[in-house]
Amino acid sequence: MHRSTFTSRVRRAKQDSGKTLDQLAEETGLRSKTTLHERIHSRTLSGLLDWFKRFARALGVSPSWLAFGDEDDAS
């Protein structure tokens, strides 16, 4: 099974949204597309997301529920 990376999912979502990096930076409160690019490609963020997913699994809940409380994803 192919496992996509955070960066590839961001790239796909960005393409699907039709938004530019400048637009996304502005909408997320960042100063520039450079800052957004750095955050997307941050190994720290990527590592944190991987850990968070493993932590949710260890707790027996979905990452979505743990992060956002989405009841549909409680387990």
PDB file of N, CA and C in Angstrom:
ATOM      1  N   MET A   1       0.842  -1.175   0.000  1.00  0.00           N
ATOM      2  CA  MET A   1       0.000   0.000   0.000  1.00  0.00           C
ATOM      3  C   MET A   1       0.892   1.245   0.000  1.00  0.00           C
ATOM      4  N   HIS A   2       0.584   2.190  -0.838  1.00  0.00           N
ATOM      5  CA  HIS A   2       1.338   3.443  -0.912  1.00  0.00           C
ATOM      6  C   HIS A   2       0.894   4.368   0.208  1.00  0.00           C
ATOM      7  N   ARG A   3       1.837   4.866   0.963  1.00  0.00           N
ATOM      8  CA  ARG A   3       1.545   5.787   2.058  1.00  0.00           C
ATOM      9  C   ARG A   3       2.030   7.168   1.655  1.00  0.00           C
ATOM     10  N   SER A   4       1.106   8.096   1.540  1.00  0.00           N
ATOM     11  CA  SER A   4       1.487   9.441   1.132  1.00  0.00           C
ATOM     12  C   SER A   4       2.107  10.185   2.305  1.00  0.00           C
ATOM     13  N   THR A   5       2.928  11.144   1.981  1.00  0.00           N
ATOM     14  CA  THR A   5       3.560  11.956   3.007  1.00  0.00           C
ATOM     15  C   THR A   5       2.716  13.191   3.274  1.00  0.00           C
ATOM     16  N   PHE A   6       2.968  13.844   4.396  1.00  0.00           N
ATOM     17  CA  PHE A   6       2.279  15.089   4.727  1.00  0.00           C
ATOM     18  C   PHE A   6       2.459  16.099   3.601  1.00  0.00           C
ATOM     19  N   THR A   7       3.694  16.229   3.112  1.00  0.00           N
ATOM     20  CA  THR A   7       3.986  17.200   2.059  1.00  0.00           C
ATOM     21  C   THR A   7       3.211  16.883   0.790  1.00  0.00           C
ATOM     22  N   SER A   8       3.136  15.617   0.423  1.00  0.00           N
ATOM     23  CA  SER A   8       2.405  15.267  -0.801  1.00  0.00           C
ATOM     24  C   SER A   8       0.904  15.495  -0.631  1.00  0.00           C
ATOM     25  N   ARG A   9       0.379  15.265   0.569  1.00  0.00           N
ATOM     26  CA  ARG A   9      -1.041  15.537   0.810  1.00  0.00           C
ATOM     27  C   ARG A   9      -1.319  17.032   0.763  1.00  0.00           C
ATOM     28  N   VAL A  10      -0.405  17.836   1.310  1.00  0.00           N
ATOM     29  CA  VAL A  10      -0.558  19.295   1.236  1.00  0.00           C
ATOM     30  C   VAL A  10      -0.542  19.737  -0.219  1.00  0.00           C
ATOM     31  N   ARG A  11       0.397  19.219  -0.982  1.00  0.00           N
ATOM     32  CA  ARG A  11       0.506  19.575  -2.406  1.00  0.00           C
ATOM     33  C   ARG A  11      -0.797  19.250  -3.140  1.00  0.00           C
ATOM     34  N   ARG A  12      -1.321  18.063  -2.879  1.00  0.00           N
ATOM     35  CA  ARG A  12      -2.571  17.662  -3.546  1.00  0.00           C
ATOM     36  C   ARG A  12      -3.731  18.552  -3.121  1.00  0.00           C
ATOM     37  N   ALA A  13      -3.852  18.809  -1.831  1.00  0.00           N
ATOM     38  CA  ALA A  13      -4.943  19.656  -1.339  1.00  0.00           C
ATOM     39  C   ALA A  13      -4.825  21.077  -1.890  1.00  0.00           C
ATOM     40  N   LYS A  14      -3.595  21.575  -1.983  1.00  0.00           N
ATOM     41  CA  LYS A  14      -3.372  22.918  -2.541  1.00  0.00           C
ATOM     42  C   LYS A  14      -3.805  22.964  -3.996  1.00  0.00           C
ATOM     43  N   GLN A  15      -3.415  21.962  -4.765  1.00  0.00           N
ATOM     44  CA  GLN A  15      -3.807  21.911  -6.179  1.00  0.00           C
ATOM     45  C   GLN A  15      -5.326  21.824  -6.311  1.00  0.00           C
ATOM     46  N   ASP A  16      -5.940  20.981  -5.488  1.00  0.00           N
ATOM     47  CA  ASP A  16      -7.396  20.823  -5.538  1.00  0.00           C
ATOM     48  C   ASP A  16      -8.123  22.104  -5.152  1.00  0.00           C
ATOM     49  N   SER A  17      -7.527  22.877  -4.235  1.00  0.00           N
ATOM     50  CA  SER A  17      -8.171  24.115  -3.787  1.00  0.00           C
ATOM     51  C   SER A  17      -8.049  25.233  -4.814  1.00  0.00           C
ATOM     52  N   GLY A  18      -7.028  25.135  -5.679  1.00  0.00           N
ATOM     53  CA  GLY A  18      -6.798  26.177  -6.670  1.00  0.00           C
ATOM     54  C   GLY A  18      -6.189  27.444  -6.093  1.00  0.00           C
ATOM     55  N   LYS A  19      -5.731  27.376  -4.851  1.00  0.00           N
ATOM     56  CA  LYS A  19      -5.168  28.551  -4.190  1.00  0.00           C
ATOM     57  C   LYS A  19      -3.657  28.604  -4.356  1.00  0.00           C
ATOM     58  N   THR A  20      -3.136  29.811  -4.313  1.00  0.00           N
ATOM     59  CA  THR A  20      -1.687  30.003  -4.377  1.00  0.00           C
ATOM     60  C   THR A  20      -1.109  29.926  -2.969  1.00  0.00           C
ATOM     61  N   LEU A  21       0.213  29.783  -2.901  1.00  0.00           N
ATOM     62  CA  LEU A  21       0.871  29.810  -1.588  1.00  0.00           C
ATOM     63  C   LEU A  21       0.651  31.154  -0.902  1.00  0.00           C
ATOM     64  N   ASP A  22       0.647  32.236  -1.667  1.00  0.00           N
ATOM     65  CA  ASP A  22       0.384  33.557  -1.078  1.00  0.00           C
ATOM     66  C   ASP A  22      -1.001  33.602  -0.432  1.00  0.00           C
ATOM     67  N   GLN A  23      -1.999  33.071  -1.121  1.00  0.00           N
ATOM     68  CA  GLN A  23      -3.354  33.067  -0.572  1.00  0.00           C
ATOM     69  C   GLN A  23      -3.431  32.221   0.693  1.00  0.00           C
ATOM     70  N   LEU A  24      -2.824  31.055   0.657  1.00  0.00           N
ATOM     71  CA  LEU A  24      -2.850  30.172   1.823  1.00  0.00           C
ATOM     72  C   LEU A  24      -2.106  30.782   3.005  1.00  0.00           C
ATOM     73  N   ALA A  25      -0.986  31.439   2.722  1.00  0.00           N
ATOM     74  CA  ALA A  25      -0.238  32.092   3.799  1.00  0.00           C
ATOM     75  C   ALA A  25      -1.104  33.162   4.450  1.00  0.00           C
ATOM     76  N   GLU A  26      -1.749  33.973   3.636  1.00  0.00           N
ATOM     77  CA  GLU A  26      -2.596  35.038   4.176  1.00  0.00           C
ATOM     78  C   GLU A  26      -3.759  34.467   4.987  1.00  0.00           C
ATOM     79  N   GLU A  27      -4.397  33.429   4.463  1.00  0.00           N
ATOM     80  CA  GLU A  27      -5.548  32.826   5.141  1.00  0.00           C
ATOM     81  C   GLU A  27      -5.176  32.143   6.452  1.00  0.00           C
ATOM     82  N   THR A  28      -3.925  31.739   6.586  1.00  0.00           N
ATOM     83  CA  THR A  28      -3.495  31.060   7.811  1.00  0.00           C
ATOM     84  C   THR A  28      -2.704  31.973   8.742  1.00  0.00           C
ATOM     85  N   GLY A  29      -2.664  33.259   8.409  1.00  0.00           N
ATOM     86  CA  GLY A  29      -2.041  34.235   9.298  1.00  0.00           C
ATOM     87  C   GLY A  29      -0.524  34.284   9.244  1.00  0.00           C
ATOM     88  N   LEU A  30       0.059  33.774   8.172  1.00  0.00           N
ATOM     89  CA  LEU A  30       1.511  33.828   8.042  1.00  0.00           C
ATOM     90  C   LEU A  30       1.908  35.037   7.211  1.00  0.00           C
ATOM     91  N   ARG A  31       3.135  35.499   7.418  1.00  0.00           N
ATOM     92  CA  ARG A  31       3.600  36.711   6.735  1.00  0.00           C
ATOM     93  C   ARG A  31       3.884  36.522   5.258  1.00  0.00           C
ATOM     94  N   SER A  32       4.304  35.333   4.875  1.00  0.00           N
ATOM     95  CA  SER A  32       4.702  35.146   3.482  1.00  0.00           C
ATOM     96  C   SER A  32       4.576  33.686   3.072  1.00  0.00           C
ATOM     97  N   LYS A  33       4.609  33.476   1.753  1.00  0.00           N
ATOM     98  CA  LYS A  33       4.580  32.106   1.250  1.00  0.00           C
ATOM     99  C   LYS A  33       5.854  31.361   1.625  1.00  0.00           C
ATOM    100  N   THR A  34       6.933  32.094   1.842  1.00  0.00           N
ATOM    101  CA  THR A  34       8.186  31.460   2.261  1.00  0.00           C
ATOM    102  C   THR A  34       8.020  30.822   3.635  1.00  0.00           C
ATOM    103  N   THR A  35       7.372  31.546   4.544  1.00  0.00           N
ATOM    104  CA  THR A  35       7.126  31.004   5.878  1.00  0.00           C
ATOM    105  C   THR A  35       6.237  29.771   5.796  1.00  0.00           C
ATOM    106  N   LEU A  36       5.200  29.836   4.969  1.00  0.00           N
ATOM    107  CA  LEU A  36       4.314  28.687   4.787  1.00  0.00           C
ATOM    108  C   LEU A  36       5.091  27.502   4.228  1.00  0.00           C
ATOM    109  N   HIS A  37       5.900  27.737   3.221  1.00  0.00           N
ATOM    110  CA  HIS A  37       6.711  26.681   2.615  1.00  0.00           C
ATOM    111  C   HIS A  37       7.613  26.036   3.677  1.00  0.00           C
ATOM    112  N   GLU A  38       8.241  26.849   4.509  1.00  0.00           N
ATOM    113  CA  GLU A  38       9.119  26.316   5.558  1.00  0.00           C
ATOM    114  C   GLU A  38       8.339  25.447   6.534  1.00  0.00           C
ATOM    115  N   ARG A  39       7.129  25.860   6.884  1.00  0.00           N
ATOM    116  CA  ARG A  39       6.325  25.067   7.817  1.00  0.00           C
ATOM    117  C   ARG A  39       5.883  23.754   7.196  1.00  0.00           C
ATOM    118  N   ILE A  40       5.494  23.794   5.938  1.00  0.00           N
ATOM    119  CA  ILE A  40       5.056  22.571   5.256  1.00  0.00           C
ATOM    120  C   ILE A  40       6.191  21.556   5.189  1.00  0.00           C
ATOM    121  N   HIS A  41       7.405  22.031   4.945  1.00  0.00           N
ATOM    122  CA  HIS A  41       8.542  21.132   4.754  1.00  0.00           C
ATOM    123  C   HIS A  41       9.366  20.908   6.022  1.00  0.00           C
ATOM    124  N   SER A  42       8.878  21.397   7.137  1.00  0.00           N
ATOM    125  CA  SER A  42       9.591  21.247   8.401  1.00  0.00           C
ATOM    126  C   SER A  42       9.633  19.793   8.839  1.00  0.00           C
ATOM    127  N   ARG A  43      10.807  19.300   9.080  1.00  0.00           N
ATOM    128  CA  ARG A  43      10.938  17.935   9.598  1.00  0.00           C
ATOM    129  C   ARG A  43      10.347  17.847  11.002  1.00  0.00           C
ATOM    130  N   THR A  44      10.393  18.928  11.727  1.00  0.00           N
ATOM    131  CA  THR A  44       9.827  18.931  13.074  1.00  0.00           C
ATOM    132  C   THR A  44       8.324  18.703  13.009  1.00  0.00           C
ATOM    133  N   LEU A  45       7.651  19.416  12.114  1.00  0.00           N
ATOM    134  CA  LEU A  45       6.207  19.250  11.965  1.00  0.00           C
ATOM    135  C   LEU A  45       5.879  17.847  11.499  1.00  0.00           C
ATOM    136  N   SER A  46       6.590  17.386  10.514  1.00  0.00           N
ATOM    137  CA  SER A  46       6.363  16.045   9.992  1.00  0.00           C
ATOM    138  C   SER A  46       6.546  15.006  11.094  1.00  0.00           C
ATOM    139  N   GLY A  47       7.600  15.137  11.857  1.00  0.00           N
ATOM    140  CA  GLY A  47       7.853  14.209  12.958  1.00  0.00           C
ATOM    141  C   GLY A  47       6.769  14.283  14.021  1.00  0.00           C
ATOM    142  N   LEU A  48       6.312  15.494  14.300  1.00  0.00           N
ATOM    143  CA  LEU A  48       5.257  15.676  15.291  1.00  0.00           C
ATOM    144  C   LEU A  48       3.965  15.014  14.823  1.00  0.00           C
ATOM    145  N   LEU A  49       3.642  15.171  13.555  1.00  0.00           N
ATOM    146  CA  LEU A  49       2.418  14.557  13.028  1.00  0.00           C
ATOM    147  C   LEU A  49       2.497  13.038  13.071  1.00  0.00           C
ATOM    148  N   ASP A  50       3.647  12.490  12.722  1.00  0.00           N
ATOM    149  CA  ASP A  50       3.816  11.035  12.796  1.00  0.00           C
ATOM    150  C   ASP A  50       3.666  10.548  14.231  1.00  0.00           C
ATOM    151  N   TRP A  51       4.282  11.249  15.172  1.00  0.00           N
ATOM    152  CA  TRP A  51       4.169  10.869  16.577  1.00  0.00           C
ATOM    153  C   TRP A  51       2.725  10.977  17.045  1.00  0.00           C
ATOM    154  N   PHE A  52       2.057  12.058  16.672  1.00  0.00           N
ATOM    155  CA  PHE A  52       0.681  12.279  17.093  1.00  0.00           C
ATOM    156  C   PHE A  52      -0.224  11.139  16.615  1.00  0.00           C
ATOM    157  N   LYS A  53      -0.018  10.689  15.390  1.00  0.00           N
ATOM    158  CA  LYS A  53      -0.806   9.587  14.855  1.00  0.00           C
ATOM    159  C   LYS A  53      -0.550   8.305  15.652  1.00  0.00           C
ATOM    160  N   ARG A  54       0.716   8.036  15.954  1.00  0.00           N
ATOM    161  CA  ARG A  54       1.045   6.846  16.751  1.00  0.00           C
ATOM    162  C   ARG A  54       0.456   6.951  18.162  1.00  0.00           C
ATOM    163  N   PHE A  55       0.490   8.165  18.736  1.00  0.00           N
ATOM    164  CA  PHE A  55      -0.056   8.392  20.071  1.00  0.00           C
ATOM    165  C   PHE A  55      -1.561   8.121  20.078  1.00  0.00           C
ATOM    166  N   ALA A  56      -2.270   8.618  19.081  1.00  0.00           N
ATOM    167  CA  ALA A  56      -3.712   8.384  18.982  1.00  0.00           C
ATOM    168  C   ALA A  56      -4.000   6.889  18.877  1.00  0.00           C
ATOM    169  N   ARG A  57      -3.234   6.206  18.042  1.00  0.00           N
ATOM    170  CA  ARG A  57      -3.431   4.756  17.898  1.00  0.00           C
ATOM    171  C   ARG A  57      -3.183   4.037  19.218  1.00  0.00           C
ATOM    172  N   ALA A  58      -2.162   4.459  19.951  1.00  0.00           N
ATOM    173  CA  ALA A  58      -1.856   3.841  21.247  1.00  0.00           C
ATOM    174  C   ALA A  58      -3.005   4.041  22.230  1.00  0.00           C
ATOM    175  N   LEU A  59      -3.693   5.172  22.109  1.00  0.00           N
ATOM    176  CA  LEU A  59      -4.844   5.448  22.969  1.00  0.00           C
ATOM    177  C   LEU A  59      -6.109   4.755  22.482  1.00  0.00           C
ATOM    178  N   GLY A  60      -6.050   4.222  21.260  1.00  0.00           N
ATOM    179  CA  GLY A  60      -7.211   3.544  20.692  1.00  0.00           C
ATOM    180  C   GLY A  60      -8.244   4.491  20.097  1.00  0.00           C
ATOM    181  N   VAL A  61      -7.804   5.682  19.707  1.00  0.00           N
ATOM    182  CA  VAL A  61      -8.712   6.667  19.103  1.00  0.00           C
ATOM    183  C   VAL A  61      -8.126   7.136  17.780  1.00  0.00           C
ATOM    184  N   SER A  62      -8.934   7.809  16.983  1.00  0.00           N
ATOM    185  CA  SER A  62      -8.425   8.331  15.715  1.00  0.00           C
ATOM    186  C   SER A  62      -7.680   9.639  15.957  1.00  0.00           C
ATOM    187  N   PRO A  63      -6.690   9.930  15.130  1.00  0.00           N
ATOM    188  CA  PRO A  63      -5.999  11.215  15.242  1.00  0.00           C
ATOM    189  C   PRO A  63      -6.952  12.398  15.081  1.00  0.00           C
ATOM    190  N   SER A  64      -7.936  12.249  14.202  1.00  0.00           N
ATOM    191  CA  SER A  64      -8.902  13.327  13.982  1.00  0.00           C
ATOM    192  C   SER A  64      -9.708  13.612  15.248  1.00  0.00           C
ATOM    193  N   TRP A  65     -10.131  12.561  15.913  1.00  0.00           N
ATOM    194  CA  TRP A  65     -10.894  12.751  17.144  1.00  0.00           C
ATOM    195  C   TRP A  65     -10.020  13.386  18.232  1.00  0.00           C
ATOM    196  N   LEU A  66      -8.795  12.885  18.364  1.00  0.00           N
ATOM    197  CA  LEU A  66      -7.904  13.415  19.384  1.00  0.00           C
ATOM    198  C   LEU A  66      -7.594  14.887  19.134  1.00  0.00           C
ATOM    199  N   ALA A  67      -7.366  15.245  17.892  1.00  0.00           N
ATOM    200  CA  ALA A  67      -7.001  16.626  17.555  1.00  0.00           C
ATOM    201  C   ALA A  67      -8.197  17.576  17.568  1.00  0.00           C
ATOM    202  N   PHE A  68      -9.327  17.107  17.058  1.00  0.00           N
ATOM    203  CA  PHE A  68     -10.442  18.027  16.831  1.00  0.00           C
ATOM    204  C   PHE A  68     -11.744  17.632  17.509  1.00  0.00           C
ATOM    205  N   GLY A  69     -11.789  16.440  18.113  1.00  0.00           N
ATOM    206  CA  GLY A  69     -13.006  16.011  18.784  1.00  0.00           C
ATOM    207  C   GLY A  69     -14.114  15.595  17.833  1.00  0.00           C
ATOM    208  N   ASP A  70     -13.740  15.231  16.601  1.00  0.00           N
ATOM    209  CA  ASP A  70     -14.739  14.798  15.624  1.00  0.00           C
ATOM    210  C   ASP A  70     -15.378  13.503  16.098  1.00  0.00           C
ATOM    211  N   GLU A  71     -16.635  13.570  16.490  1.00  0.00           N
ATOM    212  CA  GLU A  71     -17.330  12.407  17.039  1.00  0.00           C
ATOM    213  C   GLU A  71     -17.426  11.261  16.047  1.00  0.00           C
ATOM    214  N   ASP A  72     -17.519  11.569  14.748  1.00  0.00           N
ATOM    215  CA  ASP A  72     -17.609  10.521  13.736  1.00  0.00           C
ATOM    216  C   ASP A  72     -16.349   9.676  13.686  1.00  0.00           C
ATOM    217  N   ASP A  73     -15.244  10.200  14.200  1.00  0.00           N
ATOM    218  CA  ASP A  73     -13.963   9.511  14.149  1.00  0.00           C
ATOM    219  C   ASP A  73     -13.490   9.069  15.530  1.00  0.00           C
ATOM    220  N   ALA A  74     -14.411   8.813  16.439  1.00  0.00           N
ATOM    221  CA  ALA A  74     -14.032   8.533  17.824  1.00  0.00           C
ATOM    222  C   ALA A  74     -13.171   7.289  17.970  1.00  0.00           C
ATOM    223  N   SER A  75     -13.295   6.327  17.086  1.00  0.00           N
ATOM    224  CA  SER A  75     -12.442   5.136  17.200  1.00  0.00           C
ATOM    225  C   SER A  75     -12.029   4.622  15.859  1.00  0.00           C
TER     226      SER A  75
END
